[in-house]
ModelCIF file with pLDDT and N, C-alpha, C, O atoms, coordinates in Angstrom:
data_MODEL
#
_entry.id   MODEL 
#
_entity.id                         1 
_entity.type                       polymer 
_entity.pdbx_number_of_molecules   1 
#
_entity_poly.entity_id                      1 
_entity_poly.type                           'polypeptide(L)' 
_entity_poly.nstd_linkage                   no 
_entity_poly.nstd_monomer                   no 
_entity_poly.pdbx_seq_one_letter_code       HQLKTIATTTPPLEVMNRPVFTQPDAVPSPI 
_entity_poly.pdbx_seq_one_letter_code_can   HQLKTIATTTPPLEVMNRPVFTQPDAVPSPI 
_entity_poly.pdbx_strand_id                 A 
#
loop_
_entity_poly_seq.entity_id 
_entity_poly_seq.num 
_entity_poly_seq.mon_id 
_entity_poly_seq.hetero 
1 1  HIS n 
1 2  GLN n 
1 3  LEU n 
1 4  LYS n 
1 5  THR n 
1 6  ILE n 
1 7  ALA n 
1 8  THR n 
1 9  THR n 
1 10 THR n 
1 11 PRO n 
1 12 PRO n 
1 13 LEU n 
1 14 GLU n 
1 15 VAL n 
1 16 MET n 
1 17 ASN n 
1 18 ARG n 
1 19 PRO n 
1 20 VAL n 
1 21 PHE n 
1 22 THR n 
1 23 GLN n 
1 24 PRO n 
1 25 ASP n 
1 26 ALA n 
1 27 VAL n 
1 28 PRO n 
1 29 SER n 
1 30 PRO n 
1 31 ILE n 
#
_struct_asym.id          A 
_struct_asym.entity_id   1 
#
loop_
_ma_qa_metric.id 
_ma_qa_metric.mode 
_ma_qa_metric.name 
_ma_qa_metric.software_group_id 
_ma_qa_metric.type 
1 global pLDDT . pLDDT 
2 local  pLDDT . pLDDT 
#
_ma_qa_metric_global.metric_id      1 
_ma_qa_metric_global.metric_value   72.29 
_ma_qa_metric_global.model_id       1 
_ma_qa_metric_global.ordinal_id     1 
#
loop_
_ma_qa_metric_local.label_asym_id 
_ma_qa_metric_local.label_comp_id 
_ma_qa_metric_local.label_seq_id 
_ma_qa_metric_local.metric_id 
_ma_qa_metric_local.metric_value 
_ma_qa_metric_local.model_id 
_ma_qa_metric_local.ordinal_id 
A HIS 1  2 83.00 1 1  
A GLN 2  2 88.00 1 2  
A LEU 3  2 91.00 1 3  
A LYS 4  2 91.00 1 4  
A THR 5  2 91.00 1 5  
A ILE 6  2 91.00 1 6  
A ALA 7  2 90.00 1 7  
A THR 8  2 87.00 1 8  
A THR 9  2 82.00 1 9  
A THR 10 2 82.00 1 10 
A PRO 11 2 84.00 1 11 
A PRO 12 2 85.00 1 12 
A LEU 13 2 86.00 1 13 
A GLU 14 2 88.00 1 14 
A VAL 15 2 89.00 1 15 
A MET 16 2 87.00 1 16 
A ASN 17 2 85.00 1 17 
A ARG 18 2 76.00 1 18 
A PRO 19 2 65.00 1 19 
A VAL 20 2 55.00 1 20 
A PHE 21 2 52.00 1 21 
A THR 22 2 48.00 1 22 
A GLN 23 2 49.00 1 23 
A PRO 24 2 50.00 1 24 
A ASP 25 2 50.00 1 25 
A ALA 26 2 51.00 1 26 
A VAL 27 2 52.00 1 27 
A PRO 28 2 52.00 1 28 
A SER 29 2 54.00 1 29 
A PRO 30 2 54.00 1 30 
A ILE 31 2 53.00 1 31 
#
loop_
_atom_site.group_PDB 
_atom_site.id 
_atom_site.type_symbol 
_atom_site.label_atom_id 
_atom_site.label_alt_id 
_atom_site.label_comp_id 
_atom_site.label_asym_id 
_atom_site.label_entity_id 
_atom_site.label_seq_id 
_atom_site.pdbx_PDB_ins_code 
_atom_site.Cartn_x 
_atom_site.Cartn_y 
_atom_site.Cartn_z 
_atom_site.occupancy 
_atom_site.B_iso_or_equiv 
_atom_site.pdbx_formal_charge 
_atom_site.auth_seq_id 
_atom_site.auth_comp_id 
_atom_site.auth_asym_id 
_atom_site.auth_atom_id 
_atom_site.pdbx_PDB_model_num 
ATOM 1   N N  . HIS A 1 1  ? 12.998 -5.256 39.327  1.00 83.00 ? 1  HIS A N  1 
ATOM 2   C CA . HIS A 1 1  ? 12.042 -6.438 39.407  1.00 83.00 ? 1  HIS A CA 1 
ATOM 3   C C  . HIS A 1 1  ? 10.801 -6.234 39.599  1.00 83.00 ? 1  HIS A C  1 
ATOM 4   O O  . HIS A 1 1  ? 10.096 -7.024 40.227  1.00 83.00 ? 1  HIS A O  1 
ATOM 5   N N  . GLN A 1 2  ? 10.312 -4.975 38.997  1.00 88.00 ? 2  GLN A N  1 
ATOM 6   C CA . GLN A 1 2  ? 8.912  -4.581 39.127  1.00 88.00 ? 2  GLN A CA 1 
ATOM 7   C C  . GLN A 1 2  ? 8.095  -4.862 37.831  1.00 88.00 ? 2  GLN A C  1 
ATOM 8   O O  . GLN A 1 2  ? 8.576  -4.400 36.796  1.00 88.00 ? 2  GLN A O  1 
ATOM 9   N N  . LEU A 1 3  ? 6.991  -5.516 37.748  1.00 91.00 ? 3  LEU A N  1 
ATOM 10  C CA . LEU A 1 3  ? 6.457  -5.980 36.480  1.00 91.00 ? 3  LEU A CA 1 
ATOM 11  C C  . LEU A 1 3  ? 6.125  -4.446 35.548  1.00 91.00 ? 3  LEU A C  1 
ATOM 12  O O  . LEU A 1 3  ? 5.680  -3.379 35.972  1.00 91.00 ? 3  LEU A O  1 
ATOM 13  N N  . LYS A 1 4  ? 6.394  -4.701 34.637  1.00 91.00 ? 4  LYS A N  1 
ATOM 14  C CA . LYS A 1 4  ? 6.049  -3.623 33.486  1.00 91.00 ? 4  LYS A CA 1 
ATOM 15  C C  . LYS A 1 4  ? 5.415  -4.249 32.239  1.00 91.00 ? 4  LYS A C  1 
ATOM 16  O O  . LYS A 1 4  ? 5.698  -5.395 31.889  1.00 91.00 ? 4  LYS A O  1 
ATOM 17  N N  . THR A 1 5  ? 4.612  -3.526 31.625  1.00 91.00 ? 5  THR A N  1 
ATOM 18  C CA . THR A 1 5  ? 4.081  -3.913 30.562  1.00 91.00 ? 5  THR A CA 1 
ATOM 19  C C  . THR A 1 5  ? 3.968  -2.742 29.165  1.00 91.00 ? 5  THR A C  1 
ATOM 20  O O  . THR A 1 5  ? 3.576  -1.580 29.270  1.00 91.00 ? 5  THR A O  1 
ATOM 21  N N  . ILE A 1 6  ? 4.400  -3.385 27.954  1.00 91.00 ? 6  ILE A N  1 
ATOM 22  C CA . ILE A 1 6  ? 4.551  -2.466 26.962  1.00 91.00 ? 6  ILE A CA 1 
ATOM 23  C C  . ILE A 1 6  ? 3.765  -2.976 25.795  1.00 91.00 ? 6  ILE A C  1 
ATOM 24  O O  . ILE A 1 6  ? 3.490  -4.174 25.721  1.00 91.00 ? 6  ILE A O  1 
ATOM 25  N N  . ALA A 1 7  ? 3.398  -2.131 24.896  1.00 90.00 ? 7  ALA A N  1 
ATOM 26  C CA . ALA A 1 7  ? 2.527  -2.581 23.793  1.00 90.00 ? 7  ALA A CA 1 
ATOM 27  C C  . ALA A 1 7  ? 3.093  -1.890 22.531  1.00 90.00 ? 7  ALA A C  1 
ATOM 28  O O  . ALA A 1 7  ? 3.776  -0.866 22.540  1.00 90.00 ? 7  ALA A O  1 
ATOM 29  N N  . THR A 1 8  ? 2.727  -2.566 21.491  1.00 87.00 ? 8  THR A N  1 
ATOM 30  C CA . THR A 1 8  ? 2.993  -1.830 20.181  1.00 87.00 ? 8  THR A CA 1 
ATOM 31  C C  . THR A 1 8  ? 1.892  -1.397 19.494  1.00 87.00 ? 8  THR A C  1 
ATOM 32  O O  . THR A 1 8  ? 0.820  -1.980 19.653  1.00 87.00 ? 8  THR A O  1 
ATOM 33  N N  . THR A 1 9  ? 2.011  -0.284 18.613  1.00 82.00 ? 9  THR A N  1 
ATOM 34  C CA . THR A 1 9  ? 0.873  0.470  18.008  1.00 82.00 ? 9  THR A CA 1 
ATOM 35  C C  . THR A 1 9  ? 1.463  0.903  16.844  1.00 82.00 ? 9  THR A C  1 
ATOM 36  O O  . THR A 1 9  ? 2.578  1.415  16.739  1.00 82.00 ? 9  THR A O  1 
ATOM 37  N N  . THR A 1 10 ? 0.429  0.607  15.717  1.00 82.00 ? 10 THR A N  1 
ATOM 38  C CA . THR A 1 10 ? 0.781  1.325  14.491  1.00 82.00 ? 10 THR A CA 1 
ATOM 39  C C  . THR A 1 10 ? -0.347 2.024  13.723  1.00 82.00 ? 10 THR A C  1 
ATOM 40  O O  . THR A 1 10 ? -1.515 1.786  14.029  1.00 82.00 ? 10 THR A O  1 
ATOM 41  N N  . PRO A 1 11 ? -0.083 2.758  12.875  1.00 84.00 ? 11 PRO A N  1 
ATOM 42  C CA . PRO A 1 11 ? -1.193 3.471  12.255  1.00 84.00 ? 11 PRO A CA 1 
ATOM 43  C C  . PRO A 1 11 ? -2.045 2.695  11.189  1.00 84.00 ? 11 PRO A C  1 
ATOM 44  O O  . PRO A 1 11 ? -1.376 1.971  10.452  1.00 84.00 ? 11 PRO A O  1 
ATOM 45  N N  . PRO A 1 12 ? -3.142 2.711  11.013  1.00 85.00 ? 12 PRO A N  1 
ATOM 46  C CA . PRO A 1 12 ? -3.897 1.993  10.103  1.00 85.00 ? 12 PRO A CA 1 
ATOM 47  C C  . PRO A 1 12 ? -3.293 1.941  8.348   1.00 85.00 ? 12 PRO A C  1 
ATOM 48  O O  . PRO A 1 12 ? -2.669 2.792  7.714   1.00 85.00 ? 12 PRO A O  1 
ATOM 49  N N  . LEU A 1 13 ? -3.742 0.699  7.985   1.00 86.00 ? 13 LEU A N  1 
ATOM 50  C CA . LEU A 1 13 ? -3.290 0.578  6.452   1.00 86.00 ? 13 LEU A CA 1 
ATOM 51  C C  . LEU A 1 13 ? -4.502 0.376  5.535   1.00 86.00 ? 13 LEU A C  1 
ATOM 52  O O  . LEU A 1 13 ? -5.357 -0.497 5.687   1.00 86.00 ? 13 LEU A O  1 
ATOM 53  N N  . GLU A 1 14 ? -4.458 1.405  4.451   1.00 88.00 ? 14 GLU A N  1 
ATOM 54  C CA . GLU A 1 14 ? -5.413 1.657  3.633   1.00 88.00 ? 14 GLU A CA 1 
ATOM 55  C C  . GLU A 1 14 ? -4.948 0.761  2.299   1.00 88.00 ? 14 GLU A C  1 
ATOM 56  O O  . GLU A 1 14 ? -3.915 0.965  1.662   1.00 88.00 ? 14 GLU A O  1 
ATOM 57  N N  . VAL A 1 15 ? -5.877 -0.212 2.036   1.00 89.00 ? 15 VAL A N  1 
ATOM 58  C CA . VAL A 1 15 ? -5.847 -1.154 0.705   1.00 89.00 ? 15 VAL A CA 1 
ATOM 59  C C  . VAL A 1 15 ? -6.628 -0.849 -0.351  1.00 89.00 ? 15 VAL A C  1 
ATOM 60  O O  . VAL A 1 15 ? -7.840 -1.022 -0.229  1.00 89.00 ? 15 VAL A O  1 
ATOM 61  N N  . MET A 1 16 ? -6.111 -0.356 -1.542  1.00 87.00 ? 16 MET A N  1 
ATOM 62  C CA . MET A 1 16 ? -6.901 0.099  -2.713  1.00 87.00 ? 16 MET A CA 1 
ATOM 63  C C  . MET A 1 16 ? -7.102 -1.144 -3.601  1.00 87.00 ? 16 MET A C  1 
ATOM 64  O O  . MET A 1 16 ? -6.475 -2.199 -3.501  1.00 87.00 ? 16 MET A O  1 
ATOM 65  N N  . ASN A 1 17 ? -8.091 -0.849 -4.499  1.00 85.00 ? 17 ASN A N  1 
ATOM 66  C CA . ASN A 1 17 ? -8.391 -1.802 -5.609  1.00 85.00 ? 17 ASN A CA 1 
ATOM 67  C C  . ASN A 1 17 ? -7.250 -2.578 -6.089  1.00 85.00 ? 17 ASN A C  1 
ATOM 68  O O  . ASN A 1 17 ? -6.144 -2.060 -5.931  1.00 85.00 ? 17 ASN A O  1 
ATOM 69  N N  . ARG A 1 18 ? -7.319 -3.798 -6.682  1.00 76.00 ? 18 ARG A N  1 
ATOM 70  C CA . ARG A 1 18 ? -6.451 -4.482 -7.440  1.00 76.00 ? 18 ARG A CA 1 
ATOM 71  C C  . ARG A 1 18 ? -5.962 -3.516 -8.635  1.00 76.00 ? 18 ARG A C  1 
ATOM 72  O O  . ARG A 1 18 ? -6.856 -2.840 -9.143  1.00 76.00 ? 18 ARG A O  1 
ATOM 73  N N  . PRO A 1 19 ? -4.496 -3.343 -9.213  1.00 65.00 ? 19 PRO A N  1 
ATOM 74  C CA . PRO A 1 19 ? -4.191 -2.621 -10.104 1.00 65.00 ? 19 PRO A CA 1 
ATOM 75  C C  . PRO A 1 19 ? -4.825 -3.359 -11.334 1.00 65.00 ? 19 PRO A C  1 
ATOM 76  O O  . PRO A 1 19 ? -4.948 -4.582 -11.391 1.00 65.00 ? 19 PRO A O  1 
ATOM 77  N N  . VAL A 1 20 ? -5.264 -2.367 -12.437 1.00 55.00 ? 20 VAL A N  1 
ATOM 78  C CA . VAL A 1 20 ? -5.691 -2.879 -13.483 1.00 55.00 ? 20 VAL A CA 1 
ATOM 79  C C  . VAL A 1 20 ? -4.859 -2.871 -14.635 1.00 55.00 ? 20 VAL A C  1 
ATOM 80  O O  . VAL A 1 20 ? -4.571 -1.768 -15.100 1.00 55.00 ? 20 VAL A O  1 
ATOM 81  N N  . PHE A 1 21 ? -4.404 -3.931 -15.200 1.00 52.00 ? 21 PHE A N  1 
ATOM 82  C CA . PHE A 1 21 ? -3.353 -3.973 -16.511 1.00 52.00 ? 21 PHE A CA 1 
ATOM 83  C C  . PHE A 1 21 ? -4.064 -4.108 -17.977 1.00 52.00 ? 21 PHE A C  1 
ATOM 84  O O  . PHE A 1 21 ? -4.660 -5.095 -18.410 1.00 52.00 ? 21 PHE A O  1 
ATOM 85  N N  . THR A 1 22 ? -3.847 -2.869 -18.615 1.00 48.00 ? 22 THR A N  1 
ATOM 86  C CA . THR A 1 22 ? -4.788 -2.836 -19.721 1.00 48.00 ? 22 THR A CA 1 
ATOM 87  C C  . THR A 1 22 ? -3.512 -2.728 -21.172 1.00 48.00 ? 22 THR A C  1 
ATOM 88  O O  . THR A 1 22 ? -2.343 -2.402 -20.966 1.00 48.00 ? 22 THR A O  1 
ATOM 89  N N  . GLN A 1 23 ? -3.967 -3.013 -22.325 1.00 49.00 ? 23 GLN A N  1 
ATOM 90  C CA . GLN A 1 23 ? -3.291 -3.025 -23.492 1.00 49.00 ? 23 GLN A CA 1 
ATOM 91  C C  . GLN A 1 23 ? -2.616 -1.433 -23.797 1.00 49.00 ? 23 GLN A C  1 
ATOM 92  O O  . GLN A 1 23 ? -3.281 -0.425 -23.555 1.00 49.00 ? 23 GLN A O  1 
ATOM 93  N N  . PRO A 1 24 ? -1.414 -1.374 -24.278 1.00 50.00 ? 24 PRO A N  1 
ATOM 94  C CA . PRO A 1 24 ? -1.096 0.115  -24.542 1.00 50.00 ? 24 PRO A CA 1 
ATOM 95  C C  . PRO A 1 24 ? -2.155 0.736  -25.635 1.00 50.00 ? 24 PRO A C  1 
ATOM 96  O O  . PRO A 1 24 ? -2.848 0.049  -26.386 1.00 50.00 ? 24 PRO A O  1 
ATOM 97  N N  . ASP A 1 25 ? -2.144 2.154  -25.578 1.00 50.00 ? 25 ASP A N  1 
ATOM 98  C CA . ASP A 1 25 ? -2.946 2.510  -26.631 1.00 50.00 ? 25 ASP A CA 1 
ATOM 99  C C  . ASP A 1 25 ? -1.899 2.674  -28.001 1.00 50.00 ? 25 ASP A C  1 
ATOM 100 O O  . ASP A 1 25 ? -0.670 2.631  -28.057 1.00 50.00 ? 25 ASP A O  1 
ATOM 101 N N  . ALA A 1 26 ? -3.057 2.904  -29.199 1.00 51.00 ? 26 ALA A N  1 
ATOM 102 C CA . ALA A 1 26 ? -2.390 2.654  -30.431 1.00 51.00 ? 26 ALA A CA 1 
ATOM 103 C C  . ALA A 1 26 ? -0.983 3.901  -30.579 1.00 51.00 ? 26 ALA A C  1 
ATOM 104 O O  . ALA A 1 26 ? 0.160  3.702  -30.993 1.00 51.00 ? 26 ALA A O  1 
ATOM 105 N N  . VAL A 1 27 ? -1.595 5.137  -30.085 1.00 52.00 ? 27 VAL A N  1 
ATOM 106 C CA . VAL A 1 27 ? -0.843 6.227  -30.234 1.00 52.00 ? 27 VAL A CA 1 
ATOM 107 C C  . VAL A 1 27 ? 0.244  6.273  -28.886 1.00 52.00 ? 27 VAL A C  1 
ATOM 108 O O  . VAL A 1 27 ? -0.057 6.372  -27.696 1.00 52.00 ? 27 VAL A O  1 
ATOM 109 N N  . PRO A 1 28 ? 1.605  6.167  -29.502 1.00 52.00 ? 28 PRO A N  1 
ATOM 110 C CA . PRO A 1 28 ? 2.656  5.997  -28.997 1.00 52.00 ? 28 PRO A CA 1 
ATOM 111 C C  . PRO A 1 28 ? 2.968  6.974  -28.066 1.00 52.00 ? 28 PRO A C  1 
ATOM 112 O O  . PRO A 1 28 ? 2.719  8.086  -28.531 1.00 52.00 ? 28 PRO A O  1 
ATOM 113 N N  . SER A 1 29 ? 3.416  7.013  -26.929 1.00 54.00 ? 29 SER A N  1 
ATOM 114 C CA . SER A 1 29 ? 3.338  7.843  -25.688 1.00 54.00 ? 29 SER A CA 1 
ATOM 115 C C  . SER A 1 29 ? 4.886  8.543  -25.892 1.00 54.00 ? 29 SER A C  1 
ATOM 116 O O  . SER A 1 29 ? 5.842  7.929  -26.365 1.00 54.00 ? 29 SER A O  1 
ATOM 117 N N  . PRO A 1 30 ? 4.916  9.838  -25.473 1.00 54.00 ? 30 PRO A N  1 
ATOM 118 C CA . PRO A 1 30 ? 6.213  10.659 -25.962 1.00 54.00 ? 30 PRO A CA 1 
ATOM 119 C C  . PRO A 1 30 ? 7.415  9.973  -25.542 1.00 54.00 ? 30 PRO A C  1 
ATOM 120 O O  . PRO A 1 30 ? 8.401  10.044 -26.275 1.00 54.00 ? 30 PRO A O  1 
ATOM 121 N N  . ILE A 1 31 ? 7.475  9.248  -24.343 1.00 53.00 ? 31 ILE A N  1 
ATOM 122 C CA . ILE A 1 31 ? 8.500  8.585  -24.086 1.00 53.00 ? 31 ILE A CA 1 
ATOM 123 C C  . ILE A 1 31 ? 9.190  7.477  -24.959 1.00 53.00 ? 31 ILE A C  1 
ATOM 124 O O  . ILE A 1 31 ? 10.207 6.915  -24.552 1.00 53.00 ? 31 ILE A O  1 
#
């Protein structure tokens, strides 16, 4: 019955630019 305090911690989150969707090249890929 003693008062206790607990906290949450998290590492920072790095957000990159939006992914750019382009048309496929004329030369087919090996796959």
